[in-house]
Amino acid sequence: MNAGAIVVVGSINVDLTAHTRRHPRPGETLHGTGGQMLPGGKGANQAVAAARMGGDVRMIGAVGTDAQAQVGLAGLRAAGVDLDGVREVEGPTGLAIVTVAEDGENPIVVIAGANASVDAAQITAAKDVIAASSIVVCQGEIPREGIEALRALVTGRFLHKPAPVMELDPEALRASDPLVVNEHEAALVLAQLTPGTEMPETPEQIVGALREAGIASVVLTLGAQGSLVADADCTHRIPAARVTAVDTTGAGDAFIGALAVGLARGEPLPAAARLASQVGAFAATGHGAQPSCPSTEDELPRLPEASA
């Protein structure tokens, strides 16, 4: 099936990863392993995941003038992502400090570096590429003004993962189609769109509230319970594949990249979300955000059947 172009607007980082038996308590020092510098950043991770799954992908972002810039770009280059929209700015490349425990959980500290320069001017300069893309993907690791500038330029679908969630123009949030959030992120988005209202309790009520607030389509991720997908046509529960997680660092980004590929191929949102669930599960079984992304040659884990 022919696929439309995907453009990813977002962060390019270097991940400094340490592996520990468990996460340290406040003030505690633990021995660890690792220390590798690997390519990362939510934007770059999503672009790599989409390209490795066969997407025609362009990246819009920034790296610094330090030696780490080449590390940050290495995975994008290897995956065949078009880097014409990536600029070099004076200063350091973005950095993420990741601690991975034996259970696969991974708190992350992100230092923006060059990503802080991905502003409205850079987005506007790429308006032709953005307008020509079937899917535009964005996250929350670039400045607010850069994200808000997309609303006037996107002519296809705006796949928006607000992580981390920041204060945005409500109309920029309503431009999301789909909006991909976990339950915590959903609460923060609803607080912006419908101030003063009580947070719904069930996943079905959450996606319903987001739809009523003006979001065209929603993917609510629920961890081991899979995800709940809602648009104007229906609501579907998408199961999670049963895998043994090794490192969940890039699983969410792999999910987004695969979701973009499915949508770019013209698949309905539930079908694209099933592919995303498989790809995200595969990524959790390997180490590193980008090295763990599957390619079209890899066998993806199967999903159990789910009810509509």
C-alpha atoms as a PDB file:
ATOM      1  CA  MET A   1       0.000   0.000   0.000  1.00  0.00           C
ATOM      2  CA  ASN A   2       1.400   3.417  -0.930  1.00  0.00           C
ATOM      3  CA  ALA A   3       2.006   5.635   2.073  1.00  0.00           C
ATOM      4  CA  GLY A   4       1.918   9.402   2.405  1.00  0.00           C
ATOM      5  CA  ALA A   5       4.864  11.363   3.761  1.00  0.00           C
ATOM      6  CA  ILE A   6       5.398  11.711   7.495  1.00  0.00           C
ATOM      7  CA  VAL A   7       7.136  14.706   9.051  1.00  0.00           C
ATOM      8  CA  VAL A   8       8.235  14.569  12.677  1.00  0.00           C
ATOM      9  CA  VAL A   9       8.700  17.887  14.448  1.00  0.00           C
ATOM     10  CA  GLY A  10      10.533  17.443  17.709  1.00  0.00           C
ATOM     11  CA  SER A  11      13.526  16.756  19.863  1.00  0.00           C
ATOM     12  CA  ILE A  12      16.874  15.191  19.028  1.00  0.00           C
ATOM     13  CA  ASN A  13      18.817  14.089  22.106  1.00  0.00           C
ATOM     14  CA  VAL A  14      21.680  11.964  23.240  1.00  0.00           C
ATOM     15  CA  ASP A  15      20.664   9.428  25.898  1.00  0.00           C
ATOM     16  CA  LEU A  16      23.086   8.730  28.748  1.00  0.00           C
ATOM     17  CA  THR A  17      21.835   5.438  30.166  1.00  0.00           C
ATOM     18  CA  ALA A  18      22.641   3.695  33.440  1.00  0.00           C
ATOM     19  CA  HIS A  19      21.302   0.267  34.429  1.00  0.00           C
ATOM     20  CA  THR A  20      20.682  -0.475  38.103  1.00  0.00           C
ATOM     21  CA  ARG A  21      19.067  -3.276  40.085  1.00  0.00           C
ATOM     22  CA  ARG A  22      16.521  -0.769  41.394  1.00  0.00           C
ATOM     23  CA  HIS A  23      16.125   2.986  41.447  1.00  0.00           C
ATOM     24  CA  PRO A  24      18.071   4.790  44.202  1.00  0.00           C
ATOM     25  CA  ARG A  25      16.278   6.310  47.149  1.00  0.00           C
ATOM     26  CA  PRO A  26      16.795  10.018  47.916  1.00  0.00           C
ATOM     27  CA  GLY A  27      20.419  10.567  48.907  1.00  0.00           C
ATOM     28  CA  GLU A  28      21.439   6.988  48.087  1.00  0.00           C
ATOM     29  CA  THR A  29      24.313   5.908  45.835  1.00  0.00           C
ATOM     30  CA  LEU A  30      24.045   2.642  43.890  1.00  0.00           C
ATOM     31  CA  HIS A  31      26.426   0.787  41.618  1.00  0.00           C
ATOM     32  CA  GLY A  32      25.299   0.567  38.014  1.00  0.00           C
ATOM     33  CA  THR A  33      26.370  -0.471  34.564  1.00  0.00           C
ATOM     34  CA  GLY A  34      26.078   1.105  31.159  1.00  0.00           C
ATOM     35  CA  GLY A  35      27.138   4.687  30.621  1.00  0.00           C
ATOM     36  CA  GLN A  36      26.691   4.474  26.847  1.00  0.00           C
ATOM     37  CA  MET A  37      25.779   7.565  24.875  1.00  0.00           C
ATOM     38  CA  LEU A  38      23.002   6.569  22.464  1.00  0.00           C
ATOM     39  CA  PRO A  39      20.827   8.570  20.052  1.00  0.00           C
ATOM     40  CA  GLY A  40      17.469   9.574  21.518  1.00  0.00           C
ATOM     41  CA  GLY A  41      14.908  12.339  21.931  1.00  0.00           C
ATOM     42  CA  LYS A  42      11.196  11.725  21.568  1.00  0.00           C
ATOM     43  CA  GLY A  43      11.074  13.292  18.123  1.00  0.00           C
ATOM     44  CA  ALA A  44      14.078  11.407  16.776  1.00  0.00           C
ATOM     45  CA  ASN A  45      12.898   8.151  18.359  1.00  0.00           C
ATOM     46  CA  GLN A  46       9.514   8.468  16.690  1.00  0.00           C
ATOM     47  CA  ALA A  47      11.066   9.335  13.336  1.00  0.00           C
ATOM     48  CA  VAL A  48      13.396   6.323  13.504  1.00  0.00           C
ATOM     49  CA  ALA A  49      10.544   4.006  14.513  1.00  0.00           C
ATOM     50  CA  ALA A  50       8.403   5.213  11.605  1.00  0.00           C
ATOM     51  CA  ALA A  51      11.249   4.926   9.077  1.00  0.00           C
ATOM     52  CA  ARG A  52      12.212   1.424  10.222  1.00  0.00           C
ATOM     53  CA  MET A  53       8.591   0.373   9.734  1.00  0.00           C
ATOM     54  CA  GLY A  54       8.710   1.561   6.130  1.00  0.00           C
ATOM     55  CA  GLY A  55       7.561   5.179   6.484  1.00  0.00           C
ATOM     56  CA  ASP A  56       8.740   8.031   4.256  1.00  0.00           C
ATOM     57  CA  VAL A  57       9.962  10.277   7.058  1.00  0.00           C
ATOM     58  CA  ARG A  58      11.364  13.806   7.344  1.00  0.00           C
ATOM     59  CA  MET A  59      12.703  15.307  10.563  1.00  0.00           C
ATOM     60  CA  ILE A  60      12.439  18.928  11.699  1.00  0.00           C
ATOM     61  CA  GLY A  61      14.577  19.734  14.728  1.00  0.00           C
ATOM     62  CA  ALA A  62      17.957  20.983  15.913  1.00  0.00           C
ATOM     63  CA  VAL A  63      21.295  19.781  17.239  1.00  0.00           C
ATOM     64  CA  GLY A  64      24.158  21.680  18.835  1.00  0.00           C
ATOM     65  CA  THR A  65      27.718  22.365  17.739  1.00  0.00           C
ATOM     66  CA  ASP A  66      29.203  19.819  20.152  1.00  0.00           C
ATOM     67  CA  ALA A  67      30.550  16.349  19.354  1.00  0.00           C
ATOM     68  CA  GLN A  68      27.359  14.778  20.668  1.00  0.00           C
ATOM     69  CA  ALA A  69      25.409  16.107  17.667  1.00  0.00           C
ATOM     70  CA  GLN A  70      26.727  13.258  15.524  1.00  0.00           C
ATOM     71  CA  VAL A  71      25.598  10.732  18.143  1.00  0.00           C
ATOM     72  CA  GLY A  72      22.145  12.309  18.178  1.00  0.00           C
ATOM     73  CA  LEU A  73      21.859  12.091  14.382  1.00  0.00           C
ATOM     74  CA  ALA A  74      23.342   8.615  13.950  1.00  0.00           C
ATOM     75  CA  GLY A  75      20.108   6.655  14.324  1.00  0.00           C
ATOM     76  CA  LEU A  76      18.173   8.999  12.050  1.00  0.00           C
ATOM     77  CA  ARG A  77      20.794   8.657   9.337  1.00  0.00           C
ATOM     78  CA  ALA A  78      20.922   4.873   9.656  1.00  0.00           C
ATOM     79  CA  ALA A  79      17.137   4.651   9.357  1.00  0.00           C
ATOM     80  CA  GLY A  80      17.091   6.797   6.204  1.00  0.00           C
ATOM     81  CA  VAL A  81      15.239   9.786   7.678  1.00  0.00           C
ATOM     82  CA  ASP A  82      15.455  12.984   5.599  1.00  0.00           C
ATOM     83  CA  LEU A  83      17.446  15.502   7.685  1.00  0.00           C
ATOM     84  CA  ASP A  84      17.106  18.604   5.513  1.00  0.00           C
ATOM     85  CA  GLY A  85      14.891  20.163   8.202  1.00  0.00           C
ATOM     86  CA  VAL A  86      17.443  19.699  10.989  1.00  0.00           C
ATOM     87  CA  ARG A  87      19.577  22.759  11.730  1.00  0.00           C
ATOM     88  CA  GLU A  88      22.731  23.233  13.780  1.00  0.00           C
ATOM     89  CA  VAL A  89      22.675  25.891  16.492  1.00  0.00           C
ATOM     90  CA  GLU A  90      25.420  27.154  18.773  1.00  0.00           C
ATOM     91  CA  GLY A  91      25.598  25.250  22.063  1.00  0.00           C
ATOM     92  CA  PRO A  92      24.995  21.705  23.313  1.00  0.00           C
ATOM     93  CA  THR A  93      22.821  19.008  21.778  1.00  0.00           C
ATOM     94  CA  GLY A  94      19.853  17.910  23.902  1.00  0.00           C
ATOM     95  CA  LEU A  95      20.608  15.371  26.636  1.00  0.00           C
ATOM     96  CA  ALA A  96      18.462  12.775  28.412  1.00  0.00           C
ATOM     97  CA  ILE A  97      19.737  11.032  31.544  1.00  0.00           C
ATOM     98  CA  VAL A  98      18.020   7.641  31.822  1.00  0.00           C
ATOM     99  CA  THR A  99      18.150   5.208  34.741  1.00  0.00           C
ATOM    100  CA  VAL A 100      16.801   1.752  33.902  1.00  0.00           C
ATOM    101  CA  ALA A 101      15.988  -0.668  36.740  1.00  0.00           C
ATOM    102  CA  GLU A 102      15.686  -4.448  36.437  1.00  0.00           C
ATOM    103  CA  ASP A 103      11.901  -4.191  36.116  1.00  0.00           C
ATOM    104  CA  GLY A 104      12.327  -2.056  32.981  1.00  0.00           C
ATOM    105  CA  GLU A 105      11.015   1.184  34.508  1.00  0.00           C
ATOM    106  CA  ASN A 106      12.999   4.272  33.559  1.00  0.00           C
ATOM    107  CA  PRO A 107      12.736   7.775  35.073  1.00  0.00           C
ATOM    108  CA  ILE A 108      14.294  10.323  32.722  1.00  0.00           C
ATOM    109  CA  VAL A 109      15.734  13.818  33.180  1.00  0.00           C
ATOM    110  CA  VAL A 110      15.764  15.838  29.927  1.00  0.00           C
ATOM    111  CA  ILE A 111      17.999  18.851  29.247  1.00  0.00           C
ATOM    112  CA  ALA A 112      16.674  20.707  26.195  1.00  0.00           C
ATOM    113  CA  GLY A 113      19.909  22.059  24.707  1.00  0.00           C
ATOM    114  CA  ALA A 114      19.450  22.810  21.005  1.00  0.00           C
ATOM    115  CA  ASN A 115      15.824  21.623  21.133  1.00  0.00           C
ATOM    116  CA  ALA A 116      14.923  24.908  22.819  1.00  0.00           C
ATOM    117  CA  SER A 117      15.598  26.658  19.493  1.00  0.00           C
ATOM    118  CA  VAL A 118      12.882  24.804  17.541  1.00  0.00           C
ATOM    119  CA  ASP A 119      10.619  27.844  17.524  1.00  0.00           C
ATOM    120  CA  ALA A 120       7.867  29.263  15.340  1.00  0.00           C
ATOM    121  CA  ALA A 121      10.407  30.694  12.888  1.00  0.00           C
ATOM    122  CA  GLN A 122      11.953  27.280  12.195  1.00  0.00           C
ATOM    123  CA  ILE A 123       8.516  25.670  11.876  1.00  0.00           C
ATOM    124  CA  THR A 124       7.320  28.362   9.481  1.00  0.00           C
ATOM    125  CA  ALA A 125      10.469  27.977   7.383  1.00  0.00           C
ATOM    126  CA  ALA A 126       9.447  24.344   6.842  1.00  0.00           C
ATOM    127  CA  LYS A 127       5.846  25.180   5.940  1.00  0.00           C
ATOM    128  CA  ASP A 128       5.978  23.587   2.476  1.00  0.00           C
ATOM    129  CA  VAL A 129       7.238  20.262   3.820  1.00  0.00           C
ATOM    130  CA  ILE A 130       4.658  20.316   6.616  1.00  0.00           C
ATOM    131  CA  ALA A 131       1.784  21.156   4.261  1.00  0.00           C
ATOM    132  CA  ALA A 132       2.799  18.365   1.871  1.00  0.00           C
ATOM    133  CA  SER A 133       2.847  15.675   4.579  1.00  0.00           C
ATOM    134  CA  SER A 134       0.017  13.237   5.236  1.00  0.00           C
ATOM    135  CA  ILE A 135       0.942  12.950   8.915  1.00  0.00           C
ATOM    136  CA  VAL A 136       2.646  15.549  11.106  1.00  0.00           C
ATOM    137  CA  VAL A 137       3.940  14.190  14.415  1.00  0.00           C
ATOM    138  CA  CYS A 138       4.855  16.355  17.400  1.00  0.00           C
ATOM    139  CA  GLN A 139       5.585  15.963  21.129  1.00  0.00           C
ATOM    140  CA  GLY A 140       6.293  18.257  24.069  1.00  0.00           C
ATOM    141  CA  GLU A 141      10.097  18.489  24.014  1.00  0.00           C
ATOM    142  CA  ILE A 142      10.257  21.662  21.902  1.00  0.00           C
ATOM    143  CA  PRO A 143       9.039  25.177  22.795  1.00  0.00           C
ATOM    144  CA  ARG A 144       5.361  25.956  23.025  1.00  0.00           C
ATOM    145  CA  GLU A 145       5.509  28.465  20.176  1.00  0.00           C
ATOM    146  CA  GLY A 146       6.902  25.840  17.830  1.00  0.00           C
ATOM    147  CA  ILE A 147       4.044  23.447  18.575  1.00  0.00           C
ATOM    148  CA  GLU A 148       1.399  26.153  18.267  1.00  0.00           C
ATOM    149  CA  ALA A 149       2.774  27.290  14.901  1.00  0.00           C
ATOM    150  CA  LEU A 150       1.938  23.887  13.417  1.00  0.00           C
ATOM    151  CA  ARG A 151      -1.810  24.419  13.654  1.00  0.00           C
ATOM    152  CA  ALA A 152      -1.919  26.833  10.708  1.00  0.00           C
ATOM    153  CA  LEU A 153       0.393  24.725   8.523  1.00  0.00           C
ATOM    154  CA  VAL A 154      -0.825  21.129   8.834  1.00  0.00           C
ATOM    155  CA  THR A 155      -3.091  20.016   5.996  1.00  0.00           C
ATOM    156  CA  GLY A 156      -3.039  16.284   6.789  1.00  0.00           C
ATOM    157  CA  ARG A 157      -3.438  14.698  10.225  1.00  0.00           C
ATOM    158  CA  PHE A 158      -1.723  16.108  13.314  1.00  0.00           C
ATOM    159  CA  LEU A 159      -0.562  13.215  15.496  1.00  0.00           C
ATOM    160  CA  HIS A 160       0.135  14.906  18.812  1.00  0.00           C
ATOM    161  CA  LYS A 161       1.713  13.282  21.875  1.00  0.00           C
ATOM    162  CA  PRO A 162       1.865  16.006  24.551  1.00  0.00           C
ATOM    163  CA  ALA A 163       4.731  14.585  26.595  1.00  0.00           C
ATOM    164  CA  PRO A 164       5.637  16.351  28.701  1.00  0.00           C
ATOM    165  CA  VAL A 165       2.331  18.224  28.843  1.00  0.00           C
ATOM    166  CA  MET A 166       2.683  22.015  28.722  1.00  0.00           C
ATOM    167  CA  GLU A 167       0.229  24.887  28.620  1.00  0.00           C
ATOM    168  CA  LEU A 168      -0.890  25.295  25.001  1.00  0.00           C
ATOM    169  CA  ASP A 169      -3.462  27.309  23.102  1.00  0.00           C
ATOM    170  CA  PRO A 170      -6.613  25.150  23.451  1.00  0.00           C
ATOM    171  CA  GLU A 171      -7.129  25.335  19.697  1.00  0.00           C
ATOM    172  CA  ALA A 172      -3.684  23.804  19.164  1.00  0.00           C
ATOM    173  CA  LEU A 173      -4.753  20.897  21.363  1.00  0.00           C
ATOM    174  CA  ARG A 174      -8.047  20.595  19.474  1.00  0.00           C
ATOM    175  CA  ALA A 175      -6.122  20.332  16.210  1.00  0.00           C
ATOM    176  CA  SER A 176      -4.799  16.940  17.372  1.00  0.00           C
ATOM    177  CA  ASP A 177      -6.060  14.037  15.262  1.00  0.00           C
ATOM    178  CA  PRO A 178      -5.263  11.821  17.042  1.00  0.00           C
ATOM    179  CA  LEU A 179      -4.244  13.051  20.477  1.00  0.00           C
ATOM    180  CA  VAL A 180      -2.211  10.280  22.140  1.00  0.00           C
ATOM    181  CA  VAL A 181      -2.123  10.444  25.941  1.00  0.00           C
ATOM    182  CA  ASN A 182      -1.851   8.246  29.003  1.00  0.00           C
ATOM    183  CA  GLU A 183      -4.289   8.789  31.877  1.00  0.00           C
ATOM    184  CA  HIS A 184      -2.057  11.320  33.662  1.00  0.00           C
ATOM    185  CA  GLU A 185      -1.525  13.341  30.482  1.00  0.00           C
ATOM    186  CA  ALA A 186      -5.240  13.147  29.695  1.00  0.00           C
ATOM    187  CA  ALA A 187      -6.052  14.740  33.052  1.00  0.00           C
ATOM    188  CA  LEU A 188      -3.669  17.624  32.380  1.00  0.00           C
ATOM    189  CA  VAL A 189      -5.061  18.187  28.873  1.00  0.00           C
ATOM    190  CA  LEU A 190      -8.663  18.119  30.121  1.00  0.00           C
ATOM    191  CA  ALA A 191      -7.760  20.651  32.798  1.00  0.00           C
ATOM    192  CA  GLN A 192      -6.711  23.027  30.015  1.00  0.00           C
ATOM    193  CA  LEU A 193      -9.681  22.376  27.746  1.00  0.00           C
ATOM    194  CA  THR A 194     -12.398  22.248  30.415  1.00  0.00           C
ATOM    195  CA  PRO A 195     -11.090  24.112  33.489  1.00  0.00           C
ATOM    196  CA  GLY A 196     -12.797  23.285  36.757  1.00  0.00           C
ATOM    197  CA  THR A 197     -14.394  20.036  35.633  1.00  0.00           C
ATOM    198  CA  GLU A 198     -13.830  16.798  37.539  1.00  0.00           C
ATOM    199  CA  MET A 199     -11.555  14.178  36.002  1.00  0.00           C
ATOM    200  CA  PRO A 200     -13.575  11.209  34.694  1.00  0.00           C
ATOM    201  CA  GLU A 201     -12.890   7.866  36.362  1.00  0.00           C
ATOM    202  CA  THR A 202     -12.976   5.233  33.629  1.00  0.00           C
ATOM    203  CA  PRO A 203     -10.978   5.108  30.389  1.00  0.00           C
ATOM    204  CA  GLU A 204     -14.210   5.224  28.397  1.00  0.00           C
ATOM    205  CA  GLN A 205     -15.294   8.372  30.241  1.00  0.00           C
ATOM    206  CA  ILE A 206     -11.855   9.957  29.736  1.00  0.00           C
ATOM    207  CA  VAL A 207     -11.842   9.508  25.952  1.00  0.00           C
ATOM    208  CA  GLY A 208     -15.464  10.625  25.845  1.00  0.00           C
ATOM    209  CA  ALA A 209     -14.616  13.812  27.730  1.00  0.00           C
ATOM    210  CA  LEU A 210     -11.698  14.554  25.398  1.00  0.00           C
ATOM    211  CA  ARG A 211     -13.918  14.041  22.362  1.00  0.00           C
ATOM    212  CA  GLU A 212     -16.607  16.293  23.867  1.00  0.00           C
ATOM    213  CA  ALA A 213     -13.914  18.930  24.502  1.00  0.00           C
ATOM    214  CA  GLY A 214     -13.285  19.079  20.754  1.00  0.00           C
ATOM    215  CA  ILE A 215     -10.571  16.475  20.075  1.00  0.00           C
ATOM    216  CA  ALA A 216     -11.372  14.701  16.799  1.00  0.00           C
ATOM    217  CA  SER A 217      -9.748  11.394  17.769  1.00  0.00           C
ATOM    218  CA  VAL A 218      -8.042  10.033  20.866  1.00  0.00           C
ATOM    219  CA  VAL A 219      -5.692   7.174  21.674  1.00  0.00           C
ATOM    220  CA  LEU A 220      -5.579   6.613  25.444  1.00  0.00           C
ATOM    221  CA  THR A 221      -2.663   4.332  26.336  1.00  0.00           C
ATOM    222  CA  LEU A 222      -3.213   2.091  29.348  1.00  0.00           C
ATOM    223  CA  GLY A 223       0.076   0.251  29.835  1.00  0.00           C
ATOM    224  CA  ALA A 224      -0.389  -3.504  30.194  1.00  0.00           C
ATOM    225  CA  GLN A 225      -4.111  -3.016  29.478  1.00  0.00           C
ATOM    226  CA  GLY A 226      -3.376  -1.805  25.959  1.00  0.00           C
ATOM    227  CA  SER A 227      -5.131   1.300  24.695  1.00  0.00           C
ATOM    228  CA  LEU A 228      -8.556   2.768  24.046  1.00  0.00           C
ATOM    229  CA  VAL A 229      -9.124   4.372  20.653  1.00  0.00           C
ATOM    230  CA  ALA A 230     -11.995   6.732  19.899  1.00  0.00           C
ATOM    231  CA  ASP A 231     -13.012   8.777  16.900  1.00  0.00           C
ATOM    232  CA  ALA A 232     -16.234   9.867  15.244  1.00  0.00           C
ATOM    233  CA  ASP A 233     -16.951   6.306  14.075  1.00  0.00           C
ATOM    234  CA  CYS A 234     -16.447   4.148  17.143  1.00  0.00           C
ATOM    235  CA  THR A 235     -14.524   3.294  20.296  1.00  0.00           C
ATOM    236  CA  HIS A 236     -12.186   0.287  20.278  1.00  0.00           C
ATOM    237  CA  ARG A 237     -10.193  -1.408  22.995  1.00  0.00           C
ATOM    238  CA  ILE A 238      -6.772  -2.394  21.628  1.00  0.00           C
ATOM    239  CA  PRO A 239      -4.968  -5.098  23.632  1.00  0.00           C
ATOM    240  CA  ALA A 240      -1.315  -5.091  24.614  1.00  0.00           C
ATOM    241  CA  ALA A 241       1.023  -7.864  23.496  1.00  0.00           C
ATOM    242  CA  ARG A 242       2.332 -10.081  26.272  1.00  0.00           C
ATOM    243  CA  VAL A 243       6.101  -9.625  26.366  1.00  0.00           C
ATOM    244  CA  THR A 244       8.832  -9.534  28.993  1.00  0.00           C
ATOM    245  CA  ALA A 245       9.929  -5.906  29.233  1.00  0.00           C
ATOM    246  CA  VAL A 246      13.673  -5.290  29.364  1.00  0.00           C
ATOM    247  CA  ASP A 247      13.794  -1.506  28.853  1.00  0.00           C
ATOM    248  CA  THR A 248      10.694   0.622  28.251  1.00  0.00           C
ATOM    249  CA  THR A 249      12.712   3.747  27.332  1.00  0.00           C
ATOM    250  CA  GLY A 250      11.579   3.950  23.712  1.00  0.00           C
ATOM    251  CA  ALA A 251       8.435   1.827  23.719  1.00  0.00           C
ATOM    252  CA  GLY A 252       6.059   4.782  23.761  1.00  0.00           C
ATOM    253  CA  ASP A 253       7.928   6.516  20.955  1.00  0.00           C
ATOM    254  CA  ALA A 254       7.957   3.307  18.901  1.00  0.00           C
ATOM    255  CA  PHE A 255       4.177   3.173  19.404  1.00  0.00           C
ATOM    256  CA  ILE A 256       3.820   6.707  18.010  1.00  0.00           C
ATOM    257  CA  GLY A 257       6.103   6.033  15.034  1.00  0.00           C
ATOM    258  CA  ALA A 258       4.163   2.921  14.048  1.00  0.00           C
ATOM    259  CA  LEU A 259       0.837   4.690  14.548  1.00  0.00           C
ATOM    260  CA  ALA A 260       2.014   7.380  12.116  1.00  0.00           C
ATOM    261  CA  VAL A 261       2.965   4.739   9.540  1.00  0.00           C
ATOM    262  CA  GLY A 262      -0.418   3.039   9.770  1.00  0.00           C
ATOM    263  CA  LEU A 263      -2.265   6.320   9.357  1.00  0.00           C
ATOM    264  CA  ALA A 264       0.009   7.404   6.490  1.00  0.00           C
ATOM    265  CA  ARG A 265      -0.976   4.189   4.700  1.00  0.00           C
ATOM    266  CA  GLY A 266      -4.626   5.145   5.027  1.00  0.00           C
ATOM    267  CA  GLU A 267      -5.485   2.567   7.685  1.00  0.00           C
ATOM    268  CA  PRO A 268      -8.376   3.295  10.079  1.00  0.00           C
ATOM    269  CA  LEU A 269      -7.225   4.494  13.487  1.00  0.00           C
ATOM    270  CA  PRO A 270      -7.990   1.180  15.287  1.00  0.00           C
ATOM    271  CA  ALA A 271      -5.925  -0.800  12.750  1.00  0.00           C
ATOM    272  CA  ALA A 272      -3.043   1.671  13.021  1.00  0.00           C
ATOM    273  CA  ALA A 273      -3.253   1.408  16.823  1.00  0.00           C
ATOM    274  CA  ARG A 274      -2.992  -2.393  16.646  1.00  0.00           C
ATOM    275  CA  LEU A 275       0.240  -2.092  14.670  1.00  0.00           C
ATOM    276  CA  ALA A 276       1.452   0.520  17.158  1.00  0.00           C
ATOM    277  CA  SER A 277       0.722  -1.828  20.061  1.00  0.00           C
ATOM    278  CA  GLN A 278       2.788  -4.585  18.448  1.00  0.00           C
ATOM    279  CA  VAL A 279       5.716  -2.287  17.649  1.00  0.00           C
ATOM    280  CA  GLY A 280       5.706  -0.694  21.097  1.00  0.00           C
ATOM    281  CA  ALA A 281       5.733  -4.127  22.735  1.00  0.00           C
ATOM    282  CA  PHE A 282       8.631  -5.263  20.543  1.00  0.00           C
ATOM    283  CA  ALA A 283      10.625  -2.155  21.493  1.00  0.00           C
ATOM    284  CA  ALA A 284      10.198  -2.891  25.216  1.00  0.00           C
ATOM    285  CA  THR A 285      12.052  -6.202  24.776  1.00  0.00           C
ATOM    286  CA  GLY A 286      15.333  -4.528  23.741  1.00  0.00           C
ATOM    287  CA  HIS A 287      17.764  -2.004  25.197  1.00  0.00           C
ATOM    288  CA  GLY A 288      17.937   1.628  24.082  1.00  0.00           C
ATOM    289  CA  ALA A 289      15.253   3.817  22.570  1.00  0.00           C
ATOM    290  CA  GLN A 290      16.285   3.626  18.908  1.00  0.00           C
ATOM    291  CA  PRO A 291      18.229   0.325  18.785  1.00  0.00           C
ATOM    292  CA  SER A 292      15.140  -1.496  20.122  1.00  0.00           C
ATOM    293  CA  CYS A 293      12.850  -0.323  17.288  1.00  0.00           C
ATOM    294  CA  PRO A 294      11.812  -3.168  14.971  1.00  0.00           C
ATOM    295  CA  SER A 295      12.161  -3.105  11.200  1.00  0.00           C
ATOM    296  CA  THR A 296       9.793  -4.452   8.585  1.00  0.00           C
ATOM    297  CA  GLU A 297      11.828  -7.672   8.610  1.00  0.00           C
ATOM    298  CA  ASP A 298      11.250  -8.389  12.308  1.00  0.00           C
ATOM    299  CA  GLU A 299       8.465 -10.641  13.554  1.00  0.00           C
ATOM    300  CA  LEU A 300       6.188  -8.585  15.782  1.00  0.00           C
ATOM    301  CA  PRO A 301       4.498 -10.015  18.884  1.00  0.00           C
ATOM    302  CA  ARG A 302       0.903 -11.067  18.357  1.00  0.00           C
ATOM    303  CA  LEU A 303      -1.988  -9.310  20.034  1.00  0.00           C
ATOM    304  CA  PRO A 304      -4.796 -11.187  21.767  1.00  0.00           C
ATOM    305  CA  GLU A 305      -8.263 -10.602  20.412  1.00  0.00           C
ATOM    306  CA  ALA A 306     -10.122  -7.616  21.868  1.00  0.00           C
ATOM    307  CA  SER A 307     -13.734  -6.637  21.950  1.00  0.00           C
ATOM    308  CA  ALA A 308     -14.921  -3.448  20.271  1.00  0.00           C
END
